[in-house]
Amino acid sequence: GYGVEKGIPTLLVAASSMDDIVAITGFNTFLSIVFSSGSVISNILSSLRDVLIGVLVGIVMGVFVQYFPSGDQAASTLAYMDLEDWSH
């Protein structure tokens, strides 16, 4: 009920996670601007660099987990990959 078939709860969890990430990143950026002796531009660029590194590490870890599952998840991963091949 209440939109479960359409994936609404999953969408809400993902959206709130993204909201948290934006809030934490913004807070850390402004905190570094206020308490740093460096320039504002260098602090903003440093924050953007940190976000980019985080995204890249997340992508690499996601690819790693996708192709190297644990033993108890191997069957479900293979079933997912078969389903993905079938859908194309």
PDB file of N, CA and C in Angstrom:
ATOM      1  N   GLY A   1       0.795  -1.175   0.000  1.00  0.00           N
ATOM      2  CA  GLY A   1       0.000   0.000   0.000  1.00  0.00           C
ATOM      3  C   GLY A   1       0.854   1.262   0.000  1.00  0.00           C
ATOM      4  N   TYR A   2       0.225   2.344  -0.263  1.00  0.00           N
ATOM      5  CA  TYR A   2       0.821   3.681  -0.203  1.00  0.00           C
ATOM      6  C   TYR A   2       2.031   3.831  -1.125  1.00  0.00           C
ATOM      7  N   GLY A   3       1.948   3.315  -2.329  1.00  0.00           N
ATOM      8  CA  GLY A   3       2.993   3.539  -3.320  1.00  0.00           C
ATOM      9  C   GLY A   3       4.173   2.605  -3.262  1.00  0.00           C
ATOM     10  N   VAL A   4       4.065   1.500  -2.523  1.00  0.00           N
ATOM     11  CA  VAL A   4       5.187   0.567  -2.419  1.00  0.00           C
ATOM     12  C   VAL A   4       5.503  -0.039  -3.783  1.00  0.00           C
ATOM     13  N   GLU A   5       4.460  -0.375  -4.557  1.00  0.00           N
ATOM     14  CA  GLU A   5       4.693  -0.974  -5.873  1.00  0.00           C
ATOM     15  C   GLU A   5       5.423  -0.016  -6.807  1.00  0.00           C
ATOM     16  N   LYS A   6       5.214   1.269  -6.636  1.00  0.00           N
ATOM     17  CA  LYS A   6       5.864   2.263  -7.495  1.00  0.00           C
ATOM     18  C   LYS A   6       7.247   2.658  -6.992  1.00  0.00           C
ATOM     19  N   GLY A   7       7.675   2.144  -5.840  1.00  0.00           N
ATOM     20  CA  GLY A   7       8.999   2.444  -5.317  1.00  0.00           C
ATOM     21  C   GLY A   7       9.105   3.782  -4.622  1.00  0.00           C
ATOM     22  N   ILE A   8       8.001   4.326  -4.164  1.00  0.00           N
ATOM     23  CA  ILE A   8       8.009   5.638  -3.514  1.00  0.00           C
ATOM     24  C   ILE A   8       8.850   5.638  -2.234  1.00  0.00           C
ATOM     25  N   PRO A   9       8.730   4.633  -1.344  1.00  0.00           N
ATOM     26  CA  PRO A   9       9.568   4.656  -0.132  1.00  0.00           C
ATOM     27  C   PRO A   9      11.063   4.646  -0.448  1.00  0.00           C
ATOM     28  N   THR A  10      11.471   3.868  -1.446  1.00  0.00           N
ATOM     29  CA  THR A  10      12.879   3.831  -1.837  1.00  0.00           C
ATOM     30  C   THR A  10      13.327   5.188  -2.358  1.00  0.00           C
ATOM     31  N   LEU A  11      12.485   5.824  -3.132  1.00  0.00           N
ATOM     32  CA  LEU A  11      12.793   7.148  -3.664  1.00  0.00           C
ATOM     33  C   LEU A  11      12.941   8.168  -2.541  1.00  0.00           C
ATOM     34  N   LEU A  12      12.078   8.086  -1.543  1.00  0.00           N
ATOM     35  CA  LEU A  12      12.159   9.016  -0.415  1.00  0.00           C
ATOM     36  C   LEU A  12      13.434   8.821   0.388  1.00  0.00           C
ATOM     37  N   VAL A  13      13.842   7.576   0.599  1.00  0.00           N
ATOM     38  CA  VAL A  13      15.085   7.310   1.328  1.00  0.00           C
ATOM     39  C   VAL A  13      16.280   7.848   0.543  1.00  0.00           C
ATOM     40  N   ALA A  14      16.302   7.626  -0.762  1.00  0.00           N
ATOM     41  CA  ALA A  14      17.404   8.126  -1.588  1.00  0.00           C
ATOM     42  C   ALA A  14      17.440   9.649  -1.596  1.00  0.00           C
ATOM     43  N   ALA A  15      16.282  10.280  -1.695  1.00  0.00           N
ATOM     44  CA  ALA A  15      16.226  11.745  -1.713  1.00  0.00           C
ATOM     45  C   ALA A  15      16.673  12.330  -0.385  1.00  0.00           C
ATOM     46  N   SER A  16      16.284  11.717   0.717  1.00  0.00           N
ATOM     47  CA  SER A  16      16.704  12.243   2.018  1.00  0.00           C
ATOM     48  C   SER A  16      18.196  12.028   2.234  1.00  0.00           C
ATOM     49  N   SER A  17      18.746  10.951   1.688  1.00  0.00           N
ATOM     50  CA  SER A  17      20.192  10.739   1.785  1.00  0.00           C
ATOM     51  C   SER A  17      20.946  11.808   1.005  1.00  0.00           C
ATOM     52  N   MET A  18      20.462  12.133  -0.197  1.00  0.00           N
ATOM     53  CA  MET A  18      21.103  13.186  -0.983  1.00  0.00           C
ATOM     54  C   MET A  18      20.986  14.530  -0.280  1.00  0.00           C
ATOM     55  N   ASP A  19      19.852  14.787   0.351  1.00  0.00           N
ATOM     56  CA  ASP A  19      19.660  16.024   1.099  1.00  0.00           C
ATOM     57  C   ASP A  19      20.661  16.110   2.248  1.00  0.00           C
ATOM     58  N   ASP A  20      20.881  15.007   2.937  1.00  0.00           N
ATOM     59  CA  ASP A  20      21.863  14.982   4.022  1.00  0.00           C
ATOM     60  C   ASP A  20      23.268  15.257   3.503  1.00  0.00           C
ATOM     61  N   ILE A  21      23.612  14.674   2.366  1.00  0.00           N
ATOM     62  CA  ILE A  21      24.946  14.875   1.794  1.00  0.00           C
ATOM     63  C   ILE A  21      25.159  16.339   1.432  1.00  0.00           C
ATOM     64  N   VAL A  22      24.167  16.956   0.817  1.00  0.00           N
ATOM     65  CA  VAL A  22      24.277  18.371   0.446  1.00  0.00           C
ATOM     66  C   VAL A  22      24.400  19.241   1.693  1.00  0.00           C
ATOM     67  N   ALA A  23      23.618  18.946   2.724  1.00  0.00           N
ATOM     68  CA  ALA A  23      23.665  19.742   3.956  1.00  0.00           C
ATOM     69  C   ALA A  23      25.017  19.612   4.652  1.00  0.00           C
ATOM     70  N   ILE A  24      25.542  18.406   4.745  1.00  0.00           N
ATOM     71  CA  ILE A  24      26.833  18.199   5.408  1.00  0.00           C
ATOM     72  C   ILE A  24      27.952  18.853   4.615  1.00  0.00           C
ATOM     73  N   THR A  25      27.925  18.709   3.291  1.00  0.00           N
ATOM     74  CA  THR A  25      28.958  19.323   2.457  1.00  0.00           C
ATOM     75  C   THR A  25      28.906  20.841   2.553  1.00  0.00           C
ATOM     76  N   GLY A  26      27.716  21.407   2.493  1.00  0.00           N
ATOM     77  CA  GLY A  26      27.581  22.863   2.631  1.00  0.00           C
ATOM     78  C   GLY A  26      28.044  23.353   3.986  1.00  0.00           C
ATOM     79  N   PHE A  27      27.685  22.634   5.036  1.00  0.00           N
ATOM     80  CA  PHE A  27      28.112  23.016   6.378  1.00  0.00           C
ATOM     81  C   PHE A  27      29.629  22.989   6.492  1.00  0.00           C
ATOM     82  N   ASN A  28      30.256  21.928   6.000  1.00  0.00           N
ATOM     83  CA  ASN A  28      31.719  21.837   6.073  1.00  0.00           C
ATOM     84  C   ASN A  28      32.392  22.916   5.233  1.00  0.00           C
ATOM     85  N   THR A  29      31.817  23.248   4.089  1.00  0.00           N
ATOM     86  CA  THR A  29      32.387  24.308   3.254  1.00  0.00           C
ATOM     87  C   THR A  29      32.351  25.648   3.973  1.00  0.00           C
ATOM     88  N   PHE A  30      31.193  26.003   4.522  1.00  0.00           N
ATOM     89  CA  PHE A  30      31.088  27.278   5.228  1.00  0.00           C
ATOM     90  C   PHE A  30      31.908  27.288   6.510  1.00  0.00           C
ATOM     91  N   LEU A  31      32.013  26.157   7.171  1.00  0.00           N
ATOM     92  CA  LEU A  31      32.846  26.074   8.369  1.00  0.00           C
ATOM     93  C   LEU A  31      34.313  26.312   8.024  1.00  0.00           C
ATOM     94  N   SER A  32      34.769  25.744   6.911  1.00  0.00           N
ATOM     95  CA  SER A  32      36.158  25.955   6.511  1.00  0.00           C
ATOM     96  C   SER A  32      36.393  27.396   6.064  1.00  0.00           C
ATOM     97  N   ILE A  33      35.393  28.038   5.474  1.00  0.00           N
ATOM     98  CA  ILE A  33      35.537  29.442   5.079  1.00  0.00           C
ATOM     99  C   ILE A  33      35.657  30.330   6.310  1.00  0.00           C
ATOM    100  N   VAL A  34      34.831  30.069   7.310  1.00  0.00           N
ATOM    101  CA  VAL A  34      34.808  30.919   8.502  1.00  0.00           C
ATOM    102  C   VAL A  34      36.078  30.766   9.327  1.00  0.00           C
ATOM    103  N   PHE A  35      36.561  29.543   9.502  1.00  0.00           N
ATOM    104  CA  PHE A  35      37.671  29.312  10.422  1.00  0.00           C
ATOM    105  C   PHE A  35      39.018  29.124   9.743  1.00  0.00           C
ATOM    106  N   SER A  36      39.115  29.385   8.456  1.00  0.00           N
ATOM    107  CA  SER A  36      40.376  29.220   7.751  1.00  0.00           C
ATOM    108  C   SER A  36      41.034  30.572   7.532  1.00  0.00           C
ATOM    109  N   SER A  37      42.354  30.542   7.474  1.00  0.00           N
ATOM    110  CA  SER A  37      43.085  31.774   7.192  1.00  0.00           C
ATOM    111  C   SER A  37      43.371  31.921   5.697  1.00  0.00           C
ATOM    112  N   GLY A  38      43.036  30.896   4.894  1.00  0.00           N
ATOM    113  CA  GLY A  38      43.250  30.945   3.452  1.00  0.00           C
ATOM    114  C   GLY A  38      42.148  31.708   2.749  1.00  0.00           C
ATOM    115  N   SER A  39      42.237  31.745   1.431  1.00  0.00           N
ATOM    116  CA  SER A  39      41.239  32.479   0.652  1.00  0.00           C
ATOM    117  C   SER A  39      39.941  31.672   0.532  1.00  0.00           C
ATOM    118  N   VAL A  40      38.877  32.391   0.269  1.00  0.00           N
ATOM    119  CA  VAL A  40      37.563  31.763   0.130  1.00  0.00           C
ATOM    120  C   VAL A  40      37.543  30.838  -1.087  1.00  0.00           C
ATOM    121  N   ILE A  41      38.154  31.284  -2.174  1.00  0.00           N
ATOM    122  CA  ILE A  41      38.171  30.493  -3.406  1.00  0.00           C
ATOM    123  C   ILE A  41      38.891  29.170  -3.185  1.00  0.00           C
ATOM    124  N   SER A  42      40.020  29.193  -2.491  1.00  0.00           N
ATOM    125  CA  SER A  42      40.746  27.941  -2.253  1.00  0.00           C
ATOM    126  C   SER A  42      39.949  26.999  -1.361  1.00  0.00           C
ATOM    127  N   ASN A  43      39.198  27.545  -0.412  1.00  0.00           N
ATOM    128  CA  ASN A  43      38.357  26.694   0.433  1.00  0.00           C
ATOM    129  C   ASN A  43      37.225  26.054  -0.366  1.00  0.00           C
ATOM    130  N   ILE A  44      36.611  26.816  -1.253  1.00  0.00           N
ATOM    131  CA  ILE A  44      35.532  26.268  -2.080  1.00  0.00           C
ATOM    132  C   ILE A  44      36.079  25.208  -3.029  1.00  0.00           C
ATOM    133  N   LEU A  45      37.223  25.490  -3.648  1.00  0.00           N
ATOM    134  CA  LEU A  45      37.832  24.507  -4.549  1.00  0.00           C
ATOM    135  C   LEU A  45      38.236  23.245  -3.795  1.00  0.00           C
ATOM    136  N   SER A  46      38.715  23.411  -2.575  1.00  0.00           N
ATOM    137  CA  SER A  46      39.068  22.255  -1.752  1.00  0.00           C
ATOM    138  C   SER A  46      37.837  21.408  -1.439  1.00  0.00           C
ATOM    139  N   SER A  47      36.729  22.057  -1.141  1.00  0.00           N
ATOM    140  CA  SER A  47      35.489  21.323  -0.864  1.00  0.00           C
ATOM    141  C   SER A  47      34.995  20.597  -2.112  1.00  0.00           C
ATOM    142  N   LEU A  48      35.067  21.248  -3.262  1.00  0.00           N
ATOM    143  CA  LEU A  48      34.663  20.598  -4.507  1.00  0.00           C
ATOM    144  C   LEU A  48      35.561  19.411  -4.826  1.00  0.00           C
ATOM    145  N   ARG A  49      36.853  19.563  -4.558  1.00  0.00           N
ATOM    146  CA  ARG A  49      37.787  18.457  -4.761  1.00  0.00           C
ATOM    147  C   ARG A  49      37.423  17.279  -3.869  1.00  0.00           C
ATOM    148  N   ASP A  50      37.091  17.559  -2.612  1.00  0.00           N
ATOM    149  CA  ASP A  50      36.718  16.494  -1.682  1.00  0.00           C
ATOM    150  C   ASP A  50      35.454  15.773  -2.135  1.00  0.00           C
ATOM    151  N   VAL A  51      34.488  16.521  -2.642  1.00  0.00           N
ATOM    152  CA  VAL A  51      33.252  15.907  -3.143  1.00  0.00           C
ATOM    153  C   VAL A  51      33.555  15.033  -4.356  1.00  0.00           C
ATOM    154  N   LEU A  52      34.379  15.528  -5.272  1.00  0.00           N
ATOM    155  CA  LEU A  52      34.737  14.762  -6.460  1.00  0.00           C
ATOM    156  C   LEU A  52      35.460  13.475  -6.088  1.00  0.00           C
ATOM    157  N   ILE A  53      36.387  13.555  -5.150  1.00  0.00           N
ATOM    158  CA  ILE A  53      37.097  12.359  -4.695  1.00  0.00           C
ATOM    159  C   ILE A  53      36.112  11.371  -4.066  1.00  0.00           C
ATOM    160  N   GLY A  54      35.175  11.869  -3.277  1.00  0.00           N
ATOM    161  CA  GLY A  54      34.175  10.999  -2.667  1.00  0.00           C
ATOM    162  C   GLY A  54      33.309  10.298  -3.697  1.00  0.00           C
ATOM    163  N   VAL A  55      32.910  11.029  -4.735  1.00  0.00           N
ATOM    164  CA  VAL A  55      32.099  10.429  -5.797  1.00  0.00           C
ATOM    165  C   VAL A  55      32.903   9.363  -6.535  1.00  0.00           C
ATOM    166  N   LEU A  56      34.154   9.662  -6.853  1.00  0.00           N
ATOM    167  CA  LEU A  56      34.988   8.692  -7.564  1.00  0.00           C
ATOM    168  C   LEU A  56      35.231   7.440  -6.734  1.00  0.00           C
ATOM    169  N   VAL A  57      35.507   7.605  -5.445  1.00  0.00           N
ATOM    170  CA  VAL A  57      35.704   6.449  -4.569  1.00  0.00           C
ATOM    171  C   VAL A  57      34.412   5.636  -4.478  1.00  0.00           C
ATOM    172  N   GLY A  58      33.275   6.306  -4.400  1.00  0.00           N
ATOM    173  CA  GLY A  58      31.997   5.607  -4.366  1.00  0.00           C
ATOM    174  C   GLY A  58      31.741   4.803  -5.628  1.00  0.00           C
ATOM    175  N   ILE A  59      32.080   5.373  -6.777  1.00  0.00           N
ATOM    176  CA  ILE A  59      31.901   4.658  -8.043  1.00  0.00           C
ATOM    177  C   ILE A  59      32.813   3.443  -8.099  1.00  0.00           C
ATOM    178  N   VAL A  60      34.072   3.621  -7.721  1.00  0.00           N
ATOM    179  CA  VAL A  60      35.021   2.503  -7.738  1.00  0.00           C
ATOM    180  C   VAL A  60      34.566   1.395  -6.793  1.00  0.00           C
ATOM    181  N   MET A  61      34.131   1.761  -5.601  1.00  0.00           N
ATOM    182  CA  MET A  61      33.666   0.752  -4.651  1.00  0.00           C
ATOM    183  C   MET A  61      32.389   0.074  -5.151  1.00  0.00           C
ATOM    184  N   GLY A  62      31.506   0.815  -5.790  1.00  0.00           N
ATOM    185  CA  GLY A  62      30.296   0.222  -6.351  1.00  0.00           C
ATOM    186  C   GLY A  62      30.603  -0.788  -7.439  1.00  0.00           C
ATOM    187  N   VAL A  63      31.554  -0.452  -8.313  1.00  0.00           N
ATOM    188  CA  VAL A  63      31.964  -1.391  -9.359  1.00  0.00           C
ATOM    189  C   VAL A  63      32.614  -2.613  -8.732  1.00  0.00           C
ATOM    190  N   PHE A  64      33.437  -2.405  -7.718  1.00  0.00           N
ATOM    191  CA  PHE A  64      34.096  -3.518  -7.034  1.00  0.00           C
ATOM    192  C   PHE A  64      33.070  -4.454  -6.417  1.00  0.00           C
ATOM    193  N   VAL A  65      32.086  -3.907  -5.731  1.00  0.00           N
ATOM    194  CA  VAL A  65      31.065  -4.732  -5.085  1.00  0.00           C
ATOM    195  C   VAL A  65      30.198  -5.430  -6.130  1.00  0.00           C
ATOM    196  N   GLN A  66      29.985  -4.786  -7.260  1.00  0.00           N
ATOM    197  CA  GLN A  66      29.165  -5.395  -8.304  1.00  0.00           C
ATOM    198  C   GLN A  66      29.843  -6.627  -8.890  1.00  0.00           C
ATOM    199  N   TYR A  67      31.144  -6.571  -9.115  1.00  0.00           N
ATOM    200  CA  TYR A  67      31.835  -7.665  -9.779  1.00  0.00           C
ATOM    201  C   TYR A  67      32.480  -8.664  -8.827  1.00  0.00           C
ATOM    202  N   PHE A  68      32.605  -8.329  -7.546  1.00  0.00           N
ATOM    203  CA  PHE A  68      33.220  -9.235  -6.584  1.00  0.00           C
ATOM    204  C   PHE A  68      32.319  -9.401  -5.363  1.00  0.00           C
ATOM    205  N   PRO A  69      31.185 -10.096  -5.537  1.00  0.00           N
ATOM    206  CA  PRO A  69      30.285 -10.267  -4.385  1.00  0.00           C
ATOM    207  C   PRO A  69      30.819 -11.315  -3.419  1.00  0.00           C
ATOM    208  N   SER A  70      30.300 -11.292  -2.203  1.00  0.00           N
ATOM    209  CA  SER A  70      30.669 -12.315  -1.239  1.00  0.00           C
ATOM    210  C   SER A  70      30.025 -13.634  -1.641  1.00  0.00           C
ATOM    211  N   GLY A  71      30.479 -14.717  -1.040  1.00  0.00           N
ATOM    212  CA  GLY A  71      30.010 -16.045  -1.410  1.00  0.00           C
ATOM    213  C   GLY A  71      28.519 -16.237  -1.245  1.00  0.00           C
ATOM    214  N   ASP A  72      27.939 -15.673  -0.196  1.00  0.00           N
ATOM    215  CA  ASP A  72      26.506 -15.859   0.024  1.00  0.00           C
ATOM    216  C   ASP A  72      25.650 -14.986  -0.885  1.00  0.00           C
ATOM    217  N   GLN A  73      26.249 -14.050  -1.580  1.00  0.00           N
ATOM    218  CA  GLN A  73      25.493 -13.190  -2.486  1.00  0.00           C
ATOM    219  C   GLN A  73      25.745 -13.513  -3.952  1.00  0.00           C
ATOM    220  N   ALA A  74      26.580 -14.494  -4.217  1.00  0.00           N
ATOM    221  CA  ALA A  74      26.935 -14.798  -5.607  1.00  0.00           C
ATOM    222  C   ALA A  74      25.714 -15.213  -6.413  1.00  0.00           C
ATOM    223  N   ALA A  75      24.841 -16.031  -5.843  1.00  0.00           N
ATOM    224  CA  ALA A  75      23.671 -16.502  -6.587  1.00  0.00           C
ATOM    225  C   ALA A  75      22.726 -15.352  -6.920  1.00  0.00           C
ATOM    226  N   SER A  76      22.509 -14.446  -5.973  1.00  0.00           N
ATOM    227  CA  SER A  76      21.603 -13.334  -6.246  1.00  0.00           C
ATOM    228  C   SER A  76      22.197 -12.374  -7.268  1.00  0.00           C
ATOM    229  N   THR A  77      23.514 -12.193  -7.236  1.00  0.00           N
ATOM    230  CA  THR A  77      24.157 -11.327  -8.218  1.00  0.00           C
ATOM    231  C   THR A  77      24.060 -11.932  -9.608  1.00  0.00           C
ATOM    232  N   LEU A  78      24.278 -13.242  -9.705  1.00  0.00           N
ATOM    233  CA  LEU A  78      24.161 -13.892 -11.012  1.00  0.00           C
ATOM    234  C   LEU A  78      22.732 -13.825 -11.524  1.00  0.00           C
ATOM    235  N   ALA A  79      21.763 -13.988 -10.647  1.00  0.00           N
ATOM    236  CA  ALA A  79      20.361 -13.878 -11.057  1.00  0.00           C
ATOM    237  C   ALA A  79      20.059 -12.466 -11.534  1.00  0.00           C
ATOM    238  N   TYR A  80      20.602 -11.464 -10.860  1.00  0.00           N
ATOM    239  CA  TYR A  80      20.395 -10.077 -11.279  1.00  0.00           C
ATOM    240  C   TYR A  80      21.018  -9.836 -12.646  1.00  0.00           C
ATOM    241  N   MET A  81      22.220 -10.348 -12.859  1.00  0.00           N
ATOM    242  CA  MET A  81      22.888 -10.145 -14.137  1.00  0.00           C
ATOM    243  C   MET A  81      22.126 -10.850 -15.261  1.00  0.00           C
ATOM    244  N   ASP A  82      21.570 -12.041 -14.989  1.00  0.00           N
ATOM    245  CA  ASP A  82      20.760 -12.728 -15.993  1.00  0.00           C
ATOM    246  C   ASP A  82      19.516 -11.920 -16.323  1.00  0.00           C
ATOM    247  N   LEU A  83      18.889 -11.364 -15.301  1.00  0.00           N
ATOM    248  CA  LEU A  83      17.696 -10.547 -15.513  1.00  0.00           C
ATOM    249  C   LEU A  83      18.042  -9.301 -16.322  1.00  0.00           C
ATOM    250  N   GLU A  84      19.215  -8.726 -16.034  1.00  0.00           N
ATOM    251  CA  GLU A  84      19.644  -7.540 -16.769  1.00  0.00           C
ATOM    252  C   GLU A  84      19.897  -7.882 -18.236  1.00  0.00           C
ATOM    253  N   ASP A  85      20.532  -9.028 -18.504  1.00  0.00           N
ATOM    254  CA  ASP A  85      20.775  -9.442 -19.887  1.00  0.00           C
ATOM    255  C   ASP A  85      19.470  -9.720 -20.614  1.00  0.00           C
ATOM    256  N   TRP A  86      18.509 -10.293 -19.902  1.00  0.00           N
ATOM    257  CA  TRP A  86      17.231 -10.639 -20.501  1.00  0.00           C
ATOM    258  C   TRP A  86      16.430  -9.400 -20.875  1.00  0.00           C
ATOM    259  N   SER A  87      16.615  -8.319 -20.113  1.00  0.00           N
ATOM    260  CA  SER A  87      15.810  -7.124 -20.350  1.00  0.00           C
ATOM    261  C   SER A  87      16.265  -6.340 -21.579  1.00  0.00           C
ATOM    262  N   HIS A  88      17.445  -6.606 -22.094  1.00  0.00           N
ATOM    263  CA  HIS A  88      17.938  -5.846 -23.255  1.00  0.00           C
ATOM    264  C   HIS A  88      17.488  -6.459 -24.529  1.00  0.00           C
TER     265      HIS A  88
END
